Amino acid sequence: MTTAQAGPRICNDTGALHHLAVVLRDGGSWVAQGWQRLHPGDCAEPVPREYQGKFLYFRSESPGYNFRDDGVRFCTAPGRFRITHGGDCAGKNQVLRGFAKADLDQRGQPVLLSTRSKGGEDGETASRPHHQQHNTDDGLHFSAEVVFQGCKLNPAEETVTCKFVGHGIEIGSEGRLQVSDPVFTYLLGLLRGAPVEVDGDMISRLGSFGELDLHSVTPRVPDRFDRILQMMQGVWQSERSPLDRFAISGAMRRVSYAGRRMTPEFLSVQDSCQGAGGADFLMAWDSLRGSSLCYQIKSLTEDRMTLIYLPRGIRLDYRRVH
C-alpha cells in the first residue's frame, strides 16, 4: 500500500507579497479557493496528504505583476472564497480568471511563483491580457487591457452604449450624449479593434458579460498580440470545407456553417495555452457557455491562415474571402 504524500509546495521567490488561489478536486468537482497571503520567501502547501489527484491549478496576484496562465479559467471572488466549478460564475463580484497547471507527480519540487508571475521590465513581456480589481464602496474596481468593440447611439434616450472584449468576457458601458463627457466623446471617434485600457467599477456581472461604470479610457500602443489579432480581421473560409466560415471583428469571432451562424466567441492572442508555450496561440471563449477553445497559430499572412486545434493537433487551413 502506497502512502499518499503532501505536495507540491508553492513558494513565493519574488520580492513582493502575492495572493494565492488554488483549484483542487473535491467529491468529483473542481473547487477553487483563495486568497492566501504569501509573503516573499514563504511557501504554501495547499494539497492535503490524502489527496489523490494528479495535478492542481493555481493563480497568484500582486500589484505590478502579470500572471502567465494556461488558458484554463475558474471562478474567483475578492477576499476569502470557496467556489465549486461548474456554475455560471454569476455570484456577487465573482469573476472568471486564468489559472496555471501544476503536476503533482513532481512532489518535493516546489512551484516557484517567478516562473508564472512577472513584474517590472519582465512583466512587460509576460502573457497578456491582464486586469486588476478590488472592492470599492460602489462595487468592484476593474482595470484591464481590452479591445474596443464599438459604440451604439440611443438617440431617444440620449445615451450611448460602448462595448469592449477582454479576458473572455464582453464589457458594456453606458454614458450620456454630452459634449462635456470626454470619455464617451473619445470612444465615438475610435475604430473598432483599437487596443485600450479601461478603468472603472464593475457594477454587475452575469456569466461572460459585465457592466462597467466607466471612469477612463486610455489608448495603448499595439503589442505583438494586438498586431496578430488585427491581421486576423475579416472573413475566413475553410479550404477543406468551403461551407465552414468565420468572421473576426475586433476581438469577437462568429463561426457559420452553410449560412447558419453560431454563438459569438471572445478572442485573445497569447503566448501560452493549455500548458503549451513557445508559440502564439488563439483562445476563443464561447460567449454563452464560458468554455474555451485553444489553437496554435501555425502561420498567418494577408490571405492565408493555418491553425492547429489543441490538444488533438488537428490542422485547419483557411483563406481570406473578405
Protein backbone atom coordinates (compact mmCIF):
# COMPACT_ATOMS: atom_id res chain seq x y z
CA MET A 1 0.00 0.00 0.00
CA THR A 2 1.40 3.39 -1.05
CA THR A 3 1.11 6.22 1.44
CA ALA A 4 -0.17 9.47 -0.03
CA GLN A 5 2.27 12.35 0.18
CA ALA A 6 1.61 16.03 0.52
CA GLY A 7 2.84 18.41 -2.12
CA PRO A 8 3.86 20.29 -4.02
CA ARG A 9 4.76 23.47 -2.18
CA ILE A 10 4.07 26.76 -3.92
CA CYS A 11 6.80 29.23 -2.98
CA ASN A 12 6.99 32.98 -3.42
CA ASP A 13 10.50 33.62 -4.68
CA THR A 14 9.63 37.14 -5.88
CA GLY A 15 10.25 40.35 -3.95
CA ALA A 16 6.57 41.19 -3.43
CA LEU A 17 3.60 39.97 -1.44
CA HIS A 18 1.32 37.76 -3.56
CA HIS A 19 -2.19 36.43 -3.01
CA LEU A 20 -2.61 32.78 -3.97
CA ALA A 21 -5.68 30.84 -5.14
CA VAL A 22 -5.71 27.11 -5.92
CA VAL A 23 -8.14 24.66 -7.53
CA LEU A 24 -8.35 21.02 -6.36
CA ARG A 25 -10.70 18.08 -6.95
CA ASP A 26 -13.23 17.51 -4.17
CA GLY A 27 -16.03 14.97 -4.41
CA GLY A 28 -15.85 14.76 -8.19
CA SER A 29 -15.83 18.53 -8.75
CA TRP A 30 -13.15 21.17 -9.11
CA VAL A 31 -13.19 23.61 -6.21
CA ALA A 32 -11.42 26.98 -6.29
CA GLN A 33 -10.38 28.62 -3.04
CA GLY A 34 -8.33 31.67 -2.07
CA TRP A 35 -6.88 34.14 -1.47
CA GLN A 36 -3.94 33.14 0.76
CA ARG A 37 -1.30 35.75 1.56
CA LEU A 38 2.15 34.62 0.50
CA HIS A 39 5.00 36.88 1.62
CA PRO A 40 8.41 36.85 -0.13
CA GLY A 41 10.24 33.66 0.87
CA ASP A 42 7.10 31.93 2.18
CA CYS A 43 5.68 28.67 0.84
CA ALA A 44 2.15 27.26 0.85
CA GLU A 45 1.22 23.58 1.00
CA PRO A 46 -2.34 23.59 -0.39
CA VAL A 47 -2.60 19.86 -1.13
CA PRO A 48 -4.00 17.59 1.65
CA ARG A 49 -1.92 14.50 2.40
CA GLU A 50 -4.80 12.21 1.37
CA TYR A 51 -5.35 13.98 -1.97
CA GLN A 52 -5.48 11.52 -4.88
CA GLY A 53 -5.40 13.92 -7.83
CA LYS A 54 -2.51 14.11 -10.27
CA PHE A 55 -2.42 17.90 -10.62
CA LEU A 56 -3.84 21.18 -9.35
CA TYR A 57 -4.35 24.67 -10.75
CA PHE A 58 -3.11 27.86 -9.13
CA ARG A 59 -3.04 31.60 -9.64
CA SER A 60 -1.19 34.39 -7.83
CA GLU A 61 -1.76 38.13 -7.98
CA SER A 62 0.25 41.16 -6.89
CA PRO A 63 0.09 44.82 -7.99
CA GLY A 64 2.55 45.46 -10.82
CA TYR A 65 2.85 41.75 -11.68
CA ASN A 66 1.36 39.87 -14.64
CA PHE A 67 0.42 36.21 -14.23
CA ARG A 68 1.00 33.81 -17.14
CA ASP A 69 -1.81 31.24 -17.06
CA ASP A 70 -2.51 28.13 -19.14
CA GLY A 71 -5.82 29.34 -20.55
CA VAL A 72 -7.92 27.37 -18.04
CA ARG A 73 -10.38 29.57 -16.20
CA PHE A 74 -12.10 29.14 -12.85
CA CYS A 75 -14.44 31.36 -10.89
CA THR A 76 -12.92 33.57 -8.19
CA ALA A 77 -14.11 36.30 -5.84
CA PRO A 78 -12.49 39.07 -3.78
CA GLY A 79 -11.33 38.21 -0.26
CA ARG A 80 -11.69 34.69 1.11
CA PHE A 81 -13.73 32.40 -1.14
CA ARG A 82 -14.52 28.76 -1.89
CA ILE A 83 -16.38 28.13 -5.17
CA THR A 84 -17.31 24.83 -6.83
CA HIS A 85 -16.61 24.93 -10.56
CA GLY A 86 -19.49 24.24 -12.92
CA GLY A 87 -21.80 27.14 -12.15
CA ASP A 88 -22.27 30.29 -14.21
CA CYS A 89 -19.98 32.40 -12.02
CA ALA A 90 -22.84 34.83 -11.51
CA GLY A 91 -22.42 35.39 -7.77
CA LYS A 92 -21.74 38.85 -6.42
CA ASN A 93 -18.32 40.12 -7.55
CA GLN A 94 -17.40 36.71 -8.98
CA VAL A 95 -15.02 36.75 -11.99
CA LEU A 96 -13.50 34.05 -14.21
CA ARG A 97 -9.69 34.14 -14.11
CA GLY A 98 -6.95 32.14 -15.80
CA PHE A 99 -5.05 29.52 -13.78
CA ALA A 100 -1.78 27.64 -14.33
CA LYS A 101 -1.41 23.86 -14.06
CA ALA A 102 0.98 22.16 -11.62
CA ASP A 103 1.88 18.47 -11.90
CA LEU A 104 1.66 16.66 -8.55
CA ASP A 105 3.87 13.81 -9.78
CA GLN A 106 6.86 16.07 -9.18
CA ARG A 107 6.45 16.01 -5.42
CA GLY A 108 9.27 17.53 -3.43
CA GLN A 109 9.99 20.12 -6.10
CA PRO A 110 8.41 23.48 -5.22
CA VAL A 111 6.42 25.51 -7.71
CA LEU A 112 8.08 28.93 -7.92
CA LEU A 113 5.87 31.95 -8.48
CA SER A 114 8.60 33.65 -10.52
CA THR A 115 8.00 31.11 -13.31
CA ARG A 116 4.48 32.50 -13.74
CA SER A 117 4.37 35.95 -12.15
CA LYS A 118 6.45 38.68 -13.79
CA GLY A 119 6.87 42.24 -12.60
CA GLY A 120 8.77 45.36 -13.63
CA GLU A 121 10.53 45.11 -17.00
CA ASP A 122 9.95 41.36 -17.17
CA GLY A 123 6.23 41.94 -16.71
CA GLU A 124 6.05 43.84 -19.97
CA THR A 125 6.74 40.65 -21.91
CA ALA A 126 4.54 38.40 -19.81
CA SER A 127 1.43 36.85 -21.30
CA ARG A 128 -1.41 39.32 -21.61
CA PRO A 129 -4.13 40.48 -21.25
CA HIS A 130 -4.05 41.42 -17.56
CA HIS A 131 -6.52 43.01 -15.22
CA GLN A 132 -6.68 44.24 -11.64
CA GLN A 133 -9.68 44.53 -9.37
CA HIS A 134 -10.60 45.20 -5.76
CA ASN A 135 -13.67 46.11 -3.74
CA THR A 136 -14.84 49.73 -3.50
CA ASP A 137 -17.90 51.30 -1.90
CA ASP A 138 -19.63 51.36 -5.31
CA GLY A 139 -18.75 47.86 -6.49
CA LEU A 140 -15.71 46.02 -7.84
CA HIS A 141 -12.96 48.26 -9.17
CA PHE A 142 -11.85 46.95 -12.56
CA SER A 143 -8.83 47.96 -14.64
CA ALA A 144 -7.93 45.98 -17.76
CA GLU A 145 -6.32 45.89 -21.18
CA VAL A 146 -9.17 45.24 -23.64
CA VAL A 147 -10.15 45.59 -27.29
CA PHE A 148 -12.72 48.22 -28.27
CA GLN A 149 -15.81 46.75 -30.00
CA GLY A 150 -17.67 49.92 -30.99
CA CYS A 151 -20.48 52.14 -29.68
CA LYS A 152 -24.22 52.29 -30.35
CA LEU A 153 -26.14 55.53 -30.16
CA ASN A 154 -29.55 55.60 -28.48
CA PRO A 155 -30.94 59.00 -29.63
CA ALA A 156 -34.35 58.55 -27.99
CA GLU A 157 -32.75 58.16 -24.57
CA GLU A 158 -29.82 60.47 -25.35
CA THR A 159 -27.35 57.75 -24.33
CA VAL A 160 -24.54 55.79 -25.92
CA THR A 161 -23.52 52.19 -25.16
CA CYS A 162 -19.93 51.12 -25.83
CA LYS A 163 -18.51 47.60 -25.63
CA PHE A 164 -15.11 46.04 -25.05
CA VAL A 165 -13.78 42.47 -25.04
CA GLY A 166 -11.06 41.14 -22.77
CA HIS A 167 -10.31 38.14 -20.53
CA GLY A 168 -13.01 36.06 -22.22
CA ILE A 169 -15.82 38.49 -21.36
CA GLU A 170 -17.71 41.32 -23.03
CA ILE A 171 -17.82 44.57 -21.06
CA GLY A 172 -20.53 47.12 -21.72
CA SER A 173 -20.66 50.72 -20.54
CA GLU A 174 -23.39 53.34 -20.97
CA GLY A 175 -22.97 57.10 -20.90
CA ARG A 176 -24.91 60.26 -21.66
CA LEU A 177 -24.66 62.04 -25.01
CA GLN A 178 -22.89 65.09 -23.66
CA VAL A 179 -20.15 67.07 -25.36
CA SER A 180 -18.66 67.68 -21.94
CA ASP A 181 -18.12 63.93 -21.38
CA PRO A 182 -14.56 63.35 -22.70
CA VAL A 183 -14.63 59.56 -22.24
CA PHE A 184 -17.58 58.76 -24.49
CA THR A 185 -16.75 61.59 -26.90
CA TYR A 186 -13.37 59.92 -27.41
CA LEU A 187 -14.94 56.46 -27.83
CA LEU A 188 -17.38 57.66 -30.50
CA GLY A 189 -14.41 58.55 -32.71
CA LEU A 190 -12.49 55.32 -32.09
CA LEU A 191 -12.20 52.49 -34.63
CA ARG A 192 -13.39 49.01 -33.71
CA GLY A 193 -10.49 46.75 -32.78
CA ALA A 194 -8.44 49.52 -31.15
CA PRO A 195 -6.43 48.34 -28.10
CA VAL A 196 -7.23 50.37 -24.99
CA GLU A 197 -7.09 50.18 -21.21
CA VAL A 198 -10.30 50.79 -19.28
CA ASP A 199 -10.77 51.70 -15.64
CA GLY A 200 -13.99 51.80 -13.64
CA ASP A 201 -16.32 49.91 -11.30
CA MET A 202 -17.87 46.59 -12.35
CA ILE A 203 -21.45 47.18 -11.24
CA SER A 204 -22.89 43.87 -12.50
CA ARG A 205 -21.59 40.59 -13.89
CA LEU A 206 -23.51 37.64 -15.36
CA GLY A 207 -21.55 34.81 -16.93
CA SER A 208 -19.46 36.19 -19.79
CA PHE A 209 -20.96 39.68 -19.69
CA GLY A 210 -20.21 42.60 -17.39
CA GLU A 211 -21.48 46.17 -16.97
CA LEU A 212 -18.84 48.77 -16.18
CA ASP A 213 -19.26 52.23 -14.70
CA LEU A 214 -16.52 53.64 -16.90
CA HIS A 215 -14.14 56.18 -15.36
CA SER A 216 -11.43 56.44 -18.01
CA VAL A 217 -10.20 55.01 -21.32
CA THR A 218 -6.53 55.12 -22.24
CA PRO A 219 -5.18 54.23 -25.70
CA ARG A 220 -2.25 51.83 -25.66
CA VAL A 221 0.41 51.05 -28.24
CA PRO A 222 -0.45 47.76 -30.02
CA ASP A 223 1.87 44.96 -28.95
CA ARG A 224 2.64 41.74 -30.85
CA PHE A 225 -0.59 40.08 -29.76
CA ASP A 226 -2.67 43.09 -30.83
CA ARG A 227 -0.97 43.16 -34.23
CA ILE A 228 -1.66 39.46 -34.80
CA LEU A 229 -5.33 39.95 -33.94
CA GLN A 230 -5.51 42.94 -36.28
CA MET A 231 -4.13 40.78 -39.12
CA MET A 232 -6.95 38.29 -38.49
CA GLN A 233 -9.72 40.82 -39.07
CA GLY A 234 -12.14 39.82 -41.83
CA VAL A 235 -13.93 36.74 -43.17
CA TRP A 236 -12.11 33.42 -43.50
CA GLN A 237 -13.19 30.24 -45.31
CA SER A 238 -12.02 26.68 -44.63
CA GLU A 239 -10.03 25.26 -47.53
CA ARG A 240 -11.21 21.73 -46.64
CA SER A 241 -14.88 22.61 -46.18
CA PRO A 242 -15.98 25.75 -48.08
CA LEU A 243 -19.29 25.83 -46.14
CA ASP A 244 -17.30 26.46 -42.95
CA ARG A 245 -16.55 30.16 -42.40
CA PHE A 246 -15.85 32.58 -39.60
CA ALA A 247 -15.69 36.36 -39.34
CA ILE A 248 -13.43 38.22 -36.89
CA SER A 249 -14.32 41.77 -35.90
CA GLY A 250 -12.29 43.34 -33.14
CA ALA A 251 -11.90 40.59 -30.52
CA MET A 252 -15.05 38.69 -31.50
CA ARG A 253 -15.43 35.71 -33.83
CA ARG A 254 -18.66 34.48 -35.41
CA VAL A 255 -18.49 30.98 -36.91
CA SER A 256 -21.04 29.97 -39.54
CA TYR A 257 -21.70 26.74 -41.41
CA ALA A 258 -23.78 26.73 -44.58
CA GLY A 259 -25.06 30.15 -43.58
CA ARG A 260 -26.08 29.13 -40.05
CA ARG A 261 -24.38 31.39 -37.51
CA MET A 262 -23.06 30.01 -34.23
CA THR A 263 -22.74 31.65 -30.81
CA PRO A 264 -20.25 34.57 -30.81
CA GLU A 265 -16.83 33.88 -29.30
CA PHE A 266 -14.49 36.24 -27.48
CA LEU A 267 -10.87 36.10 -28.69
CA SER A 268 -7.44 36.59 -27.18
CA VAL A 269 -3.99 36.10 -28.71
CA GLN A 270 -1.40 34.99 -26.14
CA ASP A 271 1.86 33.09 -25.72
CA SER A 272 0.57 30.09 -23.75
CA CYS A 273 -2.47 27.84 -23.91
CA GLN A 274 -3.47 24.60 -22.12
CA GLY A 275 0.06 24.02 -20.87
CA ALA A 276 1.69 24.67 -24.26
CA GLY A 277 4.08 27.57 -24.81
CA GLY A 278 6.83 28.84 -27.06
CA ALA A 279 4.44 29.95 -29.81
CA ASP A 280 1.48 32.24 -30.49
CA PHE A 281 -1.96 30.91 -29.60
CA LEU A 282 -5.55 31.95 -30.26
CA MET A 283 -8.02 31.45 -27.41
CA ALA A 284 -11.76 31.51 -28.22
CA TRP A 285 -14.32 31.66 -25.38
CA ASP A 286 -17.95 30.73 -26.03
CA SER A 287 -19.93 33.83 -25.02
CA LEU A 288 -22.81 31.79 -23.54
CA ARG A 289 -21.15 28.72 -22.04
CA GLY A 290 -17.83 30.24 -21.00
CA SER A 291 -15.98 27.19 -22.38
CA SER A 292 -12.81 27.82 -24.36
CA LEU A 293 -11.01 26.50 -27.44
CA CYS A 294 -7.28 26.71 -28.00
CA TYR A 295 -5.43 26.97 -31.32
CA GLN A 296 -1.76 27.35 -32.12
CA ILE A 297 -1.28 29.98 -34.82
CA LYS A 298 0.92 28.00 -37.20
CA SER A 299 1.07 30.64 -39.94
CA LEU A 300 -0.66 33.90 -40.82
CA THR A 301 -0.37 36.03 -43.94
CA GLU A 302 -2.58 38.57 -45.65
CA ASP A 303 -4.55 35.82 -47.47
CA ARG A 304 -3.89 32.56 -45.58
CA MET A 305 -4.16 31.32 -42.00
CA THR A 306 -3.26 27.93 -40.52
CA LEU A 307 -4.41 26.99 -37.02
CA ILE A 308 -3.60 23.83 -35.04
CA TYR A 309 -6.51 22.84 -32.80
CA LEU A 310 -5.23 21.68 -29.41
CA PRO A 311 -4.89 19.26 -27.79
CA ARG A 312 -5.72 17.00 -30.77
CA GLY A 313 -3.26 18.63 -33.13
CA ILE A 314 -5.78 18.99 -35.96
CA ARG A 315 -4.58 21.26 -38.78
CA LEU A 316 -7.09 23.85 -40.01
CA ASP A 317 -6.31 25.84 -43.16
CA TYR A 318 -8.25 28.99 -44.09
CA ARG A 319 -8.16 31.59 -46.85
CA ARG A 320 -9.41 35.13 -46.62
CA VAL A 321 -12.58 35.83 -48.62
CA HIS A 322 -13.26 39.37 -47.37
